Each structure stands twice: as structure tokens, then as C-alpha cells.
């Protein structure tokens, strides 16, 4: 966790009301602005800043960003932000109490580095600290991907002599999905990221979780990657998935799987049709709250 501030500073919380359609980009924005994790409470996203210039700058950037979102989503209401002074002088450390080990899927437990956890025999512990790179397992779109990845990797890896599938994680963020795949038995995992800071965070998490032999992280653009993969996963947004459809589909091997997430309920049909025109079909679809993930394979 990158927070080397001295004790005794004053802190504020910024609670932003965020409709489902922009919840993920708003969370990403707040994580990037503050370099800290955010807390989800229903439709509210809570971020934490130092009082003074940092908080003022974050609010200024937030207003600008929300205006940009309103251009894309004219139905968005007026921005709602609740600001609260925090009187705990050790807030730079105590905010971490909001991040506890969480169980995702059937066997994955995601925890921050400062929390201890004793796993059962069947559990796999992934250690991810909330920082500028999105992906701690708390968001439904990430959790859905992990749930489906567990099933995919185990089903592909059960054959005699099978060394595990190859996996491409597009927009890897913290690296959590690639790390899950590696820990579940994937032979080779490549995480792609265009943000240099997220790339560095993902590399730290690869090292922290001891999967460096199986997983690598790269800033290489997707259209410059030459290999195909048994599993391609992209937890992005519906608009990015449709924009990148040709490149995503082109990196799936002949009998491979394509896992797409970050999709709202009303966007599922549009995304599915976009890939169906590229000879894919939906073989699994799962939802948590308003968020959906779809698993697709090539039509025979």
C-alpha cells in the first residue's frame, strides 16, 4: 500500500452517489485520484483524502470527470457528494480496517497484506492490496470473473498429462484475475495493461503471490500480441468490449473460451450480439446485482 504520510494529519471522507451505469468508472477514478482503496455502500462510493489541498483537488477533478460522464450518459442526475471530517489522527492506518479477507467463488480468498488468514485445505489465498490499480475482488464484476475462471481452469486442467491452459487477461489492473488463473493451474498467463502505474502494481502482486514463473505482465498493446490463448478474459466496460471485439476474438484459440465482464444488465444483449457476429456463442451467463459476466466459445 503506497501511503507514507506521517501520523497526525487530518483526513476527510468523500461519499459519492453513483448510479450503477457509472459505478465502476467512478470507483476507478477515485482510486486513481487518491491512490487508496474505496468503500462500496450500496450506490455510494466512499474515498478518503487528506484535508486541504488534496481534498480540494480531488473534488475539483471529480466534478470535471462527472461532467464528462454526463456527456456520455445524459440521464445522470446532479452530482451528489457528502464530505465528512475524520477526527482519528491515525486515519492513514485505520482506514485499512475496511478491507478484510473476502471469499470469492468456491475456493478463492482475497486478502490485503496487513490481514492474517488461516485457509482451509481447499482454499487458495490471493494477496492484493488496494491501490491505484483496480481489482481487489470486492466489485461484483471481478468476483463474477473469478467464479467463472475457477470453473474454466479446473475443467480444462483435469485431463491426464494436461499442463493447464494459457490465459490472456486484457486490462489486468491489479493482476488479480491472472493471479487467480495461475494459482488455479494455468500454465501460462499474460496480463496486459496500458496504465504504467497499474502495470507496476500488477507486477508487485505477481511477485507477492509467487506466480512469476507462470504469469507475466506487459504494456504491449493487444493488437501487437501475436499468440492465441485457451482463455481470454476482459473485465472492462461494455463500450470497450465492443470497441475491442475484433482483437479480443482474434486472440482466442480454436477451442478456446472468451470471458467478458463489466457489463450491466441492459448491455448484455448488445455485447453478446457483437461477438456472435464474430462466430462466438454464449455458453454461460452469471449476474450479481446489476453486473453480468458472459462466457463465450466459438460456434462449431
C-alpha atoms as a PDB file:
ATOM      1  CA  UNK A   1       0.000   0.000   0.000  1.00  0.00           C
ATOM      2  CA  UNK A   2       1.548   3.298  -1.020  1.00  0.00           C
ATOM      3  CA  UNK A   3       0.834   5.697   1.817  1.00  0.00           C
ATOM      4  CA  UNK A   4       3.892   7.021   3.598  1.00  0.00           C
ATOM      5  CA  UNK A   5       2.164  10.004   5.225  1.00  0.00           C
ATOM      6  CA  UNK A   6       3.161  10.865   8.793  1.00  0.00           C
ATOM      7  CA  UNK A   7       0.694  10.426  11.626  1.00  0.00           C
ATOM      8  CA  UNK A   8      -1.264  13.423  12.912  1.00  0.00           C
ATOM      9  CA  UNK A   9      -2.656  14.608   9.548  1.00  0.00           C
ATOM     10  CA  UNK A  10      -6.352  15.410   9.245  1.00  0.00           C
ATOM     11  CA  UNK A  11      -8.465  13.349   6.876  1.00  0.00           C
ATOM     12  CA  UNK A  12     -11.846  13.615   5.167  1.00  0.00           C
ATOM     13  CA  UNK A  13     -14.152  11.074   3.563  1.00  0.00           C
ATOM     14  CA  UNK A  14     -15.878  11.817   0.258  1.00  0.00           C
ATOM     15  CA  UNK A  15     -19.021   9.758  -0.310  1.00  0.00           C
ATOM     16  CA  UNK A  16     -20.152   9.959  -3.936  1.00  0.00           C
ATOM     17  CA  UNK A  17     -23.582   8.767  -5.030  1.00  0.00           C
ATOM     18  CA  UNK A  18     -23.005   6.696  -8.139  1.00  0.00           C
ATOM     19  CA  UNK A  19     -25.714   5.079 -10.307  1.00  0.00           C
ATOM     20  CA  UNK A  20     -24.929   1.519 -11.460  1.00  0.00           C
ATOM     21  CA  UNK A  21     -24.168   2.587 -15.019  1.00  0.00           C
ATOM     22  CA  UNK A  22     -21.128   4.631 -13.896  1.00  0.00           C
ATOM     23  CA  UNK A  23     -20.218   2.913 -10.626  1.00  0.00           C
ATOM     24  CA  UNK A  24     -17.160   1.097 -11.944  1.00  0.00           C
ATOM     25  CA  UNK A  25     -15.614   4.067 -13.801  1.00  0.00           C
ATOM     26  CA  UNK A  26     -16.335   6.301 -10.794  1.00  0.00           C
ATOM     27  CA  UNK A  27     -14.621   3.826  -8.462  1.00  0.00           C
ATOM     28  CA  UNK A  28     -11.648   3.597 -10.822  1.00  0.00           C
ATOM     29  CA  UNK A  29     -11.432   7.386 -10.960  1.00  0.00           C
ATOM     30  CA  UNK A  30     -11.470   7.762  -7.160  1.00  0.00           C
ATOM     31  CA  UNK A  31      -8.836   5.048  -6.707  1.00  0.00           C
ATOM     32  CA  UNK A  32      -6.619   6.787  -9.252  1.00  0.00           C
ATOM     33  CA  UNK A  33      -7.102  10.212  -7.645  1.00  0.00           C
ATOM     34  CA  UNK A  34      -6.401   9.136  -4.075  1.00  0.00           C
ATOM     35  CA  UNK A  35      -4.023   6.164  -4.504  1.00  0.00           C
ATOM     36  CA  UNK A  36      -6.156   4.359  -1.892  1.00  0.00           C
ATOM     37  CA  UNK A  37      -8.909   1.813  -1.928  1.00  0.00           C
ATOM     38  CA  UNK A  38     -12.576   2.827  -1.961  1.00  0.00           C
ATOM     39  CA  UNK A  39     -15.508   1.503   0.025  1.00  0.00           C
ATOM     40  CA  UNK A  40     -18.803   0.450  -1.609  1.00  0.00           C
ATOM     41  CA  UNK A  41     -22.039   1.029   0.327  1.00  0.00           C
ATOM     42  CA  UNK A  42     -24.959   0.410  -1.978  1.00  0.00           C
ATOM     43  CA  UNK A  43     -24.988   3.210  -4.560  1.00  0.00           C
ATOM     44  CA  UNK A  44     -22.408   5.211  -2.608  1.00  0.00           C
ATOM     45  CA  UNK A  45     -18.653   5.032  -3.133  1.00  0.00           C
ATOM     46  CA  UNK A  46     -16.545   6.395  -0.287  1.00  0.00           C
ATOM     47  CA  UNK A  47     -12.995   7.631  -0.824  1.00  0.00           C
ATOM     48  CA  UNK A  48     -10.514   9.142   1.651  1.00  0.00           C
ATOM     49  CA  UNK A  49      -8.285  12.202   1.282  1.00  0.00           C
ATOM     50  CA  UNK A  50      -6.070  14.402   3.389  1.00  0.00           C
ATOM     51  CA  UNK A  51      -7.767  17.637   4.371  1.00  0.00           C
ATOM     52  CA  UNK A  52      -6.748  20.724   2.479  1.00  0.00           C
ATOM     53  CA  UNK A  53      -5.208  20.763  -0.974  1.00  0.00           C
ATOM     54  CA  UNK A  54      -5.541  17.032  -1.645  1.00  0.00           C
ATOM     55  CA  UNK A  55      -9.272  17.021  -0.887  1.00  0.00           C
ATOM     56  CA  UNK A  56      -9.876  20.230  -2.858  1.00  0.00           C
ATOM     57  CA  UNK A  57      -8.010  18.868  -5.868  1.00  0.00           C
ATOM     58  CA  UNK A  58      -9.911  15.578  -5.728  1.00  0.00           C
ATOM     59  CA  UNK A  59     -13.278  17.376  -5.599  1.00  0.00           C
ATOM     60  CA  UNK A  60     -12.300  19.646  -8.488  1.00  0.00           C
ATOM     61  CA  UNK A  61     -11.235  16.700 -10.644  1.00  0.00           C
ATOM     62  CA  UNK A  62     -14.317  14.743  -9.602  1.00  0.00           C
ATOM     63  CA  UNK A  63     -16.664  17.491 -10.778  1.00  0.00           C
ATOM     64  CA  UNK A  64     -14.873  17.668 -14.134  1.00  0.00           C
ATOM     65  CA  UNK A  65     -14.954  13.901 -14.562  1.00  0.00           C
ATOM     66  CA  UNK A  66     -18.640  13.697 -13.673  1.00  0.00           C
ATOM     67  CA  UNK A  67     -19.418  16.379 -16.287  1.00  0.00           C
ATOM     68  CA  UNK A  68     -17.654  14.200 -18.855  1.00  0.00           C
ATOM     69  CA  UNK A  69     -19.752  11.213 -17.765  1.00  0.00           C
ATOM     70  CA  UNK A  70     -22.907  13.294 -18.126  1.00  0.00           C
ATOM     71  CA  UNK A  71     -21.972  13.885 -21.754  1.00  0.00           C
ATOM     72  CA  UNK A  72     -21.954  10.109 -22.288  1.00  0.00           C
ATOM     73  CA  UNK A  73     -24.952   9.427 -20.035  1.00  0.00           C
ATOM     74  CA  UNK A  74     -27.370  12.401 -20.256  1.00  0.00           C
ATOM     75  CA  UNK A  75     -29.734  10.698 -17.793  1.00  0.00           C
ATOM     76  CA  UNK A  76     -27.256  11.084 -14.909  1.00  0.00           C
ATOM     77  CA  UNK A  77     -28.569  13.309 -12.099  1.00  0.00           C
ATOM     78  CA  UNK A  78     -26.701  16.160 -10.458  1.00  0.00           C
ATOM     79  CA  UNK A  79     -23.508  15.104  -8.695  1.00  0.00           C
ATOM     80  CA  UNK A  80     -24.052  14.214  -5.022  1.00  0.00           C
ATOM     81  CA  UNK A  81     -21.024  14.296  -2.691  1.00  0.00           C
ATOM     82  CA  UNK A  82     -21.077  14.076   1.099  1.00  0.00           C
ATOM     83  CA  UNK A  83     -17.907  15.298   2.787  1.00  0.00           C
ATOM     84  CA  UNK A  84     -17.114  14.346   6.388  1.00  0.00           C
ATOM     85  CA  UNK A  85     -14.147  15.327   8.547  1.00  0.00           C
ATOM     86  CA  UNK A  86     -12.451  12.376  10.216  1.00  0.00           C
ATOM     87  CA  UNK A  87     -11.152  13.010  13.695  1.00  0.00           C
ATOM     88  CA  UNK A  88      -8.946   9.938  14.045  1.00  0.00           C
ATOM     89  CA  UNK A  89      -5.393  11.263  13.692  1.00  0.00           C
ATOM     90  CA  UNK A  90      -4.169   7.822  12.652  1.00  0.00           C
ATOM     91  CA  UNK A  91      -6.574   7.581   9.716  1.00  0.00           C
ATOM     92  CA  UNK A  92      -3.697   6.808   7.346  1.00  0.00           C
ATOM     93  CA  UNK A  93      -3.644   3.392   9.038  1.00  0.00           C
ATOM     94  CA  UNK A  94      -7.157   2.923  10.424  1.00  0.00           C
ATOM     95  CA  UNK A  95      -8.862   3.170   7.008  1.00  0.00           C
ATOM     96  CA  UNK A  96      -7.344  -0.246   6.337  1.00  0.00           C
ATOM     97  CA  UNK A  97      -9.854  -1.803   8.731  1.00  0.00           C
ATOM     98  CA  UNK A  98     -12.438  -1.565   5.916  1.00  0.00           C
ATOM     99  CA  UNK A  99     -10.526  -4.185   3.917  1.00  0.00           C
ATOM    100  CA  UNK A 100     -10.896  -7.697   5.303  1.00  0.00           C
ATOM    101  CA  UNK A 101     -10.324 -11.122   3.725  1.00  0.00           C
ATOM    102  CA  UNK A 102     -13.241 -11.986   1.462  1.00  0.00           C
ATOM    103  CA  UNK A 103     -14.224 -15.311  -0.075  1.00  0.00           C
ATOM    104  CA  UNK A 104     -14.896 -15.174  -3.802  1.00  0.00           C
ATOM    105  CA  UNK A 105     -16.210 -18.114  -5.805  1.00  0.00           C
ATOM    106  CA  UNK A 106     -15.936 -21.546  -4.240  1.00  0.00           C
ATOM    107  CA  UNK A 107     -12.332 -21.568  -3.050  1.00  0.00           C
ATOM    108  CA  UNK A 108     -10.643 -18.184  -3.557  1.00  0.00           C
ATOM    109  CA  UNK A 109      -9.957 -15.897  -0.584  1.00  0.00           C
ATOM    110  CA  UNK A 110      -8.654 -12.393  -1.349  1.00  0.00           C
ATOM    111  CA  UNK A 111      -6.958 -10.510   1.466  1.00  0.00           C
ATOM    112  CA  UNK A 112      -4.791  -7.395   1.934  1.00  0.00           C
ATOM    113  CA  UNK A 113      -1.209  -7.859   3.103  1.00  0.00           C
ATOM    114  CA  UNK A 114      -1.855  -6.482   6.590  1.00  0.00           C
ATOM    115  CA  UNK A 115      -4.567  -9.057   7.419  1.00  0.00           C
ATOM    116  CA  UNK A 116      -3.743 -12.600   8.569  1.00  0.00           C
ATOM    117  CA  UNK A 117      -5.871 -15.536   7.427  1.00  0.00           C
ATOM    118  CA  UNK A 118      -5.702 -19.273   8.043  1.00  0.00           C
ATOM    119  CA  UNK A 119      -7.129 -21.020   4.964  1.00  0.00           C
ATOM    120  CA  UNK A 120      -8.794 -24.390   4.948  1.00  0.00           C
ATOM    121  CA  UNK A 121      -7.265 -27.188   2.901  1.00  0.00           C
ATOM    122  CA  UNK A 122      -9.356 -26.426  -0.194  1.00  0.00           C
ATOM    123  CA  UNK A 123      -8.915 -22.636  -0.146  1.00  0.00           C
ATOM    124  CA  UNK A 124      -6.482 -20.585  -2.225  1.00  0.00           C
ATOM    125  CA  UNK A 125      -5.400 -17.251  -0.719  1.00  0.00           C
ATOM    126  CA  UNK A 126      -4.632 -14.341  -3.055  1.00  0.00           C
ATOM    127  CA  UNK A 127      -2.968 -11.283  -1.520  1.00  0.00           C
ATOM    128  CA  UNK A 128      -3.931  -7.961  -3.129  1.00  0.00           C
ATOM    129  CA  UNK A 129      -3.537  -4.514  -1.551  1.00  0.00           C
ATOM    130  CA  UNK A 130      -5.955  -1.757  -2.647  1.00  0.00           C
ATOM    131  CA  UNK A 131      -4.022   0.880  -4.555  1.00  0.00           C
ATOM    132  CA  UNK A 132      -4.190   2.724  -7.855  1.00  0.00           C
ATOM    133  CA  UNK A 133      -4.850  -0.407  -9.900  1.00  0.00           C
ATOM    134  CA  UNK A 134      -8.481  -1.552  -9.933  1.00  0.00           C
ATOM    135  CA  UNK A 135      -9.256  -5.056  -8.737  1.00  0.00           C
ATOM    136  CA  UNK A 136      -9.435  -6.251  -5.127  1.00  0.00           C
ATOM    137  CA  UNK A 137     -12.248  -8.786  -5.548  1.00  0.00           C
ATOM    138  CA  UNK A 138     -14.790  -6.515  -3.878  1.00  0.00           C
ATOM    139  CA  UNK A 139     -16.520  -5.390  -7.066  1.00  0.00           C
ATOM    140  CA  UNK A 140     -19.189  -7.751  -8.480  1.00  0.00           C
ATOM    141  CA  UNK A 141     -17.666  -7.770 -11.976  1.00  0.00           C
ATOM    142  CA  UNK A 142     -14.331  -9.002 -10.599  1.00  0.00           C
ATOM    143  CA  UNK A 143     -15.999 -11.577  -8.350  1.00  0.00           C
ATOM    144  CA  UNK A 144     -18.030 -12.945 -11.275  1.00  0.00           C
ATOM    145  CA  UNK A 145     -14.876 -13.372 -13.345  1.00  0.00           C
ATOM    146  CA  UNK A 146     -13.158 -15.239 -10.525  1.00  0.00           C
ATOM    147  CA  UNK A 147     -16.161 -17.526 -10.102  1.00  0.00           C
ATOM    148  CA  UNK A 148     -16.212 -18.457 -13.787  1.00  0.00           C
ATOM    149  CA  UNK A 149     -12.411 -18.677 -14.044  1.00  0.00           C
ATOM    150  CA  UNK A 150     -12.379 -21.260 -11.262  1.00  0.00           C
ATOM    151  CA  UNK A 151     -14.705 -23.445 -13.319  1.00  0.00           C
ATOM    152  CA  UNK A 152     -12.885 -22.920 -16.624  1.00  0.00           C
ATOM    153  CA  UNK A 153      -9.379 -23.628 -15.309  1.00  0.00           C
ATOM    154  CA  UNK A 154     -10.421 -26.716 -13.358  1.00  0.00           C
ATOM    155  CA  UNK A 155     -12.380 -28.164 -16.284  1.00  0.00           C
ATOM    156  CA  UNK A 156      -9.519 -27.648 -18.734  1.00  0.00           C
ATOM    157  CA  UNK A 157      -6.819 -28.905 -16.380  1.00  0.00           C
ATOM    158  CA  UNK A 158      -8.323 -32.253 -15.395  1.00  0.00           C
ATOM    159  CA  UNK A 159      -7.093 -34.266 -18.386  1.00  0.00           C
ATOM    160  CA  UNK A 160      -4.240 -36.719 -17.933  1.00  0.00           C
ATOM    161  CA  UNK A 161      -0.958 -35.079 -18.803  1.00  0.00           C
ATOM    162  CA  UNK A 162      -2.652 -31.699 -19.210  1.00  0.00           C
ATOM    163  CA  UNK A 163      -0.331 -28.938 -18.041  1.00  0.00           C
ATOM    164  CA  UNK A 164      -3.070 -26.330 -17.817  1.00  0.00           C
ATOM    165  CA  UNK A 165      -4.455 -23.730 -20.220  1.00  0.00           C
ATOM    166  CA  UNK A 166      -2.914 -20.486 -21.405  1.00  0.00           C
ATOM    167  CA  UNK A 167      -4.712 -17.325 -20.262  1.00  0.00           C
ATOM    168  CA  UNK A 168      -4.724 -13.743 -21.545  1.00  0.00           C
ATOM    169  CA  UNK A 169      -6.018 -11.099 -19.100  1.00  0.00           C
ATOM    170  CA  UNK A 170      -6.756  -7.879 -21.001  1.00  0.00           C
ATOM    171  CA  UNK A 171      -6.746  -4.786 -18.786  1.00  0.00           C
ATOM    172  CA  UNK A 172      -5.226  -6.710 -15.916  1.00  0.00           C
ATOM    173  CA  UNK A 173      -5.343  -3.819 -13.393  1.00  0.00           C
ATOM    174  CA  UNK A 174      -4.089  -5.220 -10.086  1.00  0.00           C
ATOM    175  CA  UNK A 175      -3.426  -8.545 -11.825  1.00  0.00           C
ATOM    176  CA  UNK A 176      -5.958 -10.358  -9.656  1.00  0.00           C
ATOM    177  CA  UNK A 177      -7.642 -12.384 -12.413  1.00  0.00           C
ATOM    178  CA  UNK A 178      -4.379 -13.549 -13.917  1.00  0.00           C
ATOM    179  CA  UNK A 179      -3.063 -14.441 -10.475  1.00  0.00           C
ATOM    180  CA  UNK A 180      -6.206 -16.474  -9.762  1.00  0.00           C
ATOM    181  CA  UNK A 181      -5.742 -18.318 -13.072  1.00  0.00           C
ATOM    182  CA  UNK A 182      -2.071 -19.032 -12.289  1.00  0.00           C
ATOM    183  CA  UNK A 183      -2.846 -20.273  -8.781  1.00  0.00           C
ATOM    184  CA  UNK A 184      -5.621 -22.493 -10.180  1.00  0.00           C
ATOM    185  CA  UNK A 185      -3.254 -24.241 -12.578  1.00  0.00           C
ATOM    186  CA  UNK A 186      -2.918 -22.165 -15.744  1.00  0.00           C
ATOM    187  CA  UNK A 187       0.334 -23.000 -17.498  1.00  0.00           C
ATOM    188  CA  UNK A 188       0.952 -19.544 -18.950  1.00  0.00           C
ATOM    189  CA  UNK A 189      -0.713 -16.237 -18.115  1.00  0.00           C
ATOM    190  CA  UNK A 190      -0.157 -12.882 -19.798  1.00  0.00           C
ATOM    191  CA  UNK A 191      -1.643  -9.753 -18.231  1.00  0.00           C
ATOM    192  CA  UNK A 192      -1.919  -6.712 -20.491  1.00  0.00           C
ATOM    193  CA  UNK A 193      -2.167  -3.188 -19.077  1.00  0.00           C
ATOM    194  CA  UNK A 194      -1.860   0.226 -20.738  1.00  0.00           C
ATOM    195  CA  UNK A 195      -1.517   2.246 -17.498  1.00  0.00           C
ATOM    196  CA  UNK A 196       2.136   2.262 -16.305  1.00  0.00           C
ATOM    197  CA  UNK A 197       1.165   2.600 -12.633  1.00  0.00           C
ATOM    198  CA  UNK A 198      -1.306  -0.268 -12.842  1.00  0.00           C
ATOM    199  CA  UNK A 199       1.366  -2.286 -14.652  1.00  0.00           C
ATOM    200  CA  UNK A 200       3.745  -1.733 -11.726  1.00  0.00           C
ATOM    201  CA  UNK A 201       1.026  -2.669  -9.217  1.00  0.00           C
ATOM    202  CA  UNK A 202       0.248  -5.859 -11.130  1.00  0.00           C
ATOM    203  CA  UNK A 203       3.931  -6.807 -11.232  1.00  0.00           C
ATOM    204  CA  UNK A 204       4.203  -6.289  -7.457  1.00  0.00           C
ATOM    205  CA  UNK A 205       1.167  -8.520  -6.937  1.00  0.00           C
ATOM    206  CA  UNK A 206       2.590 -11.217  -9.226  1.00  0.00           C
ATOM    207  CA  UNK A 207       5.747 -11.247  -7.120  1.00  0.00           C
ATOM    208  CA  UNK A 208       3.835 -11.082  -3.832  1.00  0.00           C
ATOM    209  CA  UNK A 209       1.740 -14.114  -4.769  1.00  0.00           C
ATOM    210  CA  UNK A 210       4.657 -16.166  -6.075  1.00  0.00           C
ATOM    211  CA  UNK A 211       3.286 -16.745  -9.585  1.00  0.00           C
ATOM    212  CA  UNK A 212       6.127 -15.190 -11.550  1.00  0.00           C
ATOM    213  CA  UNK A 213       7.016 -18.466 -13.278  1.00  0.00           C
ATOM    214  CA  UNK A 214       3.531 -18.742 -14.791  1.00  0.00           C
ATOM    215  CA  UNK A 215       2.449 -15.107 -15.158  1.00  0.00           C
ATOM    216  CA  UNK A 216       3.993 -12.108 -16.826  1.00  0.00           C
ATOM    217  CA  UNK A 217       2.655  -8.562 -17.198  1.00  0.00           C
ATOM    218  CA  UNK A 218       3.172  -6.394 -20.247  1.00  0.00           C
ATOM    219  CA  UNK A 219       2.445  -2.903 -21.566  1.00  0.00           C
ATOM    220  CA  UNK A 220       2.238  -4.325 -25.097  1.00  0.00           C
ATOM    221  CA  UNK A 221      -0.989  -3.264 -26.888  1.00  0.00           C
ATOM    222  CA  UNK A 222      -3.405  -6.115 -27.562  1.00  0.00           C
ATOM    223  CA  UNK A 223      -3.153  -5.762 -31.336  1.00  0.00           C
ATOM    224  CA  UNK A 224       0.620  -6.362 -31.107  1.00  0.00           C
ATOM    225  CA  UNK A 225       0.321  -9.674 -29.232  1.00  0.00           C
ATOM    226  CA  UNK A 226       0.827 -12.488 -31.741  1.00  0.00           C
ATOM    227  CA  UNK A 227      -0.188 -15.591 -29.747  1.00  0.00           C
ATOM    228  CA  UNK A 228      -3.653 -17.011 -29.209  1.00  0.00           C
ATOM    229  CA  UNK A 229      -4.831 -18.309 -25.830  1.00  0.00           C
ATOM    230  CA  UNK A 230      -7.081 -21.024 -24.438  1.00  0.00           C
ATOM    231  CA  UNK A 231      -8.833 -18.451 -22.252  1.00  0.00           C
ATOM    232  CA  UNK A 232      -9.139 -14.717 -22.927  1.00  0.00           C
ATOM    233  CA  UNK A 233     -10.644 -12.662 -20.098  1.00  0.00           C
ATOM    234  CA  UNK A 234     -11.579  -8.974 -20.278  1.00  0.00           C
ATOM    235  CA  UNK A 235     -13.190  -7.263 -17.288  1.00  0.00           C
ATOM    236  CA  UNK A 236     -13.639  -3.816 -18.806  1.00  0.00           C
ATOM    237  CA  UNK A 237     -16.776  -1.886 -19.778  1.00  0.00           C
ATOM    238  CA  UNK A 238     -19.397  -2.727 -22.401  1.00  0.00           C
ATOM    239  CA  UNK A 239     -18.230   0.081 -24.676  1.00  0.00           C
ATOM    240  CA  UNK A 240     -14.592  -1.043 -24.515  1.00  0.00           C
ATOM    241  CA  UNK A 241     -15.548  -4.674 -25.098  1.00  0.00           C
ATOM    242  CA  UNK A 242     -17.435  -3.831 -28.273  1.00  0.00           C
ATOM    243  CA  UNK A 243     -14.680  -1.478 -29.477  1.00  0.00           C
ATOM    244  CA  UNK A 244     -12.061  -4.198 -28.936  1.00  0.00           C
ATOM    245  CA  UNK A 245     -14.231  -7.093 -30.150  1.00  0.00           C
ATOM    246  CA  UNK A 246     -12.161  -7.905 -33.233  1.00  0.00           C
ATOM    247  CA  UNK A 247      -8.863  -8.045 -31.339  1.00  0.00           C
ATOM    248  CA  UNK A 248     -10.343  -9.933 -28.378  1.00  0.00           C
ATOM    249  CA  UNK A 249     -11.956 -12.549 -30.615  1.00  0.00           C
ATOM    250  CA  UNK A 250      -8.781 -12.886 -32.668  1.00  0.00           C
ATOM    251  CA  UNK A 251      -6.717 -13.919 -29.651  1.00  0.00           C
ATOM    252  CA  UNK A 252      -8.933 -16.869 -28.672  1.00  0.00           C
ATOM    253  CA  UNK A 253      -7.608 -20.264 -29.792  1.00  0.00           C
ATOM    254  CA  UNK A 254      -9.761 -22.537 -31.960  1.00  0.00           C
ATOM    255  CA  UNK A 255     -11.324 -24.343 -28.989  1.00  0.00           C
ATOM    256  CA  UNK A 256     -10.818 -21.525 -26.518  1.00  0.00           C
ATOM    257  CA  UNK A 257     -13.088 -19.513 -24.230  1.00  0.00           C
ATOM    258  CA  UNK A 258     -13.804 -15.798 -24.041  1.00  0.00           C
ATOM    259  CA  UNK A 259     -14.820 -14.396 -20.633  1.00  0.00           C
ATOM    260  CA  UNK A 260     -16.295 -10.884 -20.679  1.00  0.00           C
ATOM    261  CA  UNK A 261     -17.331  -8.844 -17.635  1.00  0.00           C
ATOM    262  CA  UNK A 262     -18.031  -5.280 -16.509  1.00  0.00           C
ATOM    263  CA  UNK A 263     -21.388  -5.457 -18.309  1.00  0.00           C
ATOM    264  CA  UNK A 264     -24.637  -4.011 -16.952  1.00  0.00           C
ATOM    265  CA  UNK A 265     -27.916  -5.904 -17.349  1.00  0.00           C
ATOM    266  CA  UNK A 266     -29.190  -3.701 -20.186  1.00  0.00           C
ATOM    267  CA  UNK A 267     -25.889  -4.082 -22.081  1.00  0.00           C
ATOM    268  CA  UNK A 268     -25.664  -7.895 -22.154  1.00  0.00           C
ATOM    269  CA  UNK A 269     -27.608  -8.372 -25.392  1.00  0.00           C
ATOM    270  CA  UNK A 270     -25.591  -5.708 -27.236  1.00  0.00           C
ATOM    271  CA  UNK A 271     -22.240  -7.187 -26.166  1.00  0.00           C
ATOM    272  CA  UNK A 272     -23.321 -10.772 -26.911  1.00  0.00           C
ATOM    273  CA  UNK A 273     -24.553  -9.855 -30.404  1.00  0.00           C
ATOM    274  CA  UNK A 274     -21.293  -8.049 -31.155  1.00  0.00           C
ATOM    275  CA  UNK A 275     -19.331 -11.253 -30.541  1.00  0.00           C
ATOM    276  CA  UNK A 276     -21.938 -13.534 -32.096  1.00  0.00           C
ATOM    277  CA  UNK A 277     -21.242 -11.783 -35.420  1.00  0.00           C
ATOM    278  CA  UNK A 278     -17.656 -12.950 -34.904  1.00  0.00           C
ATOM    279  CA  UNK A 279     -18.792 -16.587 -34.600  1.00  0.00           C
ATOM    280  CA  UNK A 280     -18.998 -16.867 -30.819  1.00  0.00           C
ATOM    281  CA  UNK A 281     -21.921 -18.110 -28.758  1.00  0.00           C
ATOM    282  CA  UNK A 282     -22.824 -17.608 -25.089  1.00  0.00           C
ATOM    283  CA  UNK A 283     -22.340 -20.795 -23.039  1.00  0.00           C
ATOM    284  CA  UNK A 284     -22.680 -19.309 -19.550  1.00  0.00           C
ATOM    285  CA  UNK A 285     -24.031 -16.071 -18.097  1.00  0.00           C
ATOM    286  CA  UNK A 286     -23.938 -15.019 -14.445  1.00  0.00           C
ATOM    287  CA  UNK A 287     -25.048 -11.927 -12.579  1.00  0.00           C
ATOM    288  CA  UNK A 288     -24.595 -10.218  -9.232  1.00  0.00           C
ATOM    289  CA  UNK A 289     -26.759  -7.164  -8.609  1.00  0.00           C
ATOM    290  CA  UNK A 290     -26.787  -5.272 -11.930  1.00  0.00           C
ATOM    291  CA  UNK A 291     -23.468  -6.658 -13.131  1.00  0.00           C
ATOM    292  CA  UNK A 292     -23.142  -9.513 -15.610  1.00  0.00           C
ATOM    293  CA  UNK A 293     -20.345 -11.724 -16.924  1.00  0.00           C
ATOM    294  CA  UNK A 294     -20.708 -13.894 -20.008  1.00  0.00           C
ATOM    295  CA  UNK A 295     -18.630 -16.860 -21.119  1.00  0.00           C
ATOM    296  CA  UNK A 296     -18.460 -17.435 -24.879  1.00  0.00           C
ATOM    297  CA  UNK A 297     -16.975 -20.077 -27.153  1.00  0.00           C
ATOM    298  CA  UNK A 298     -16.566 -20.338 -30.897  1.00  0.00           C
ATOM    299  CA  UNK A 299     -19.522 -21.694 -32.823  1.00  0.00           C
ATOM    300  CA  UNK A 300     -18.850 -25.103 -34.341  1.00  0.00           C
END
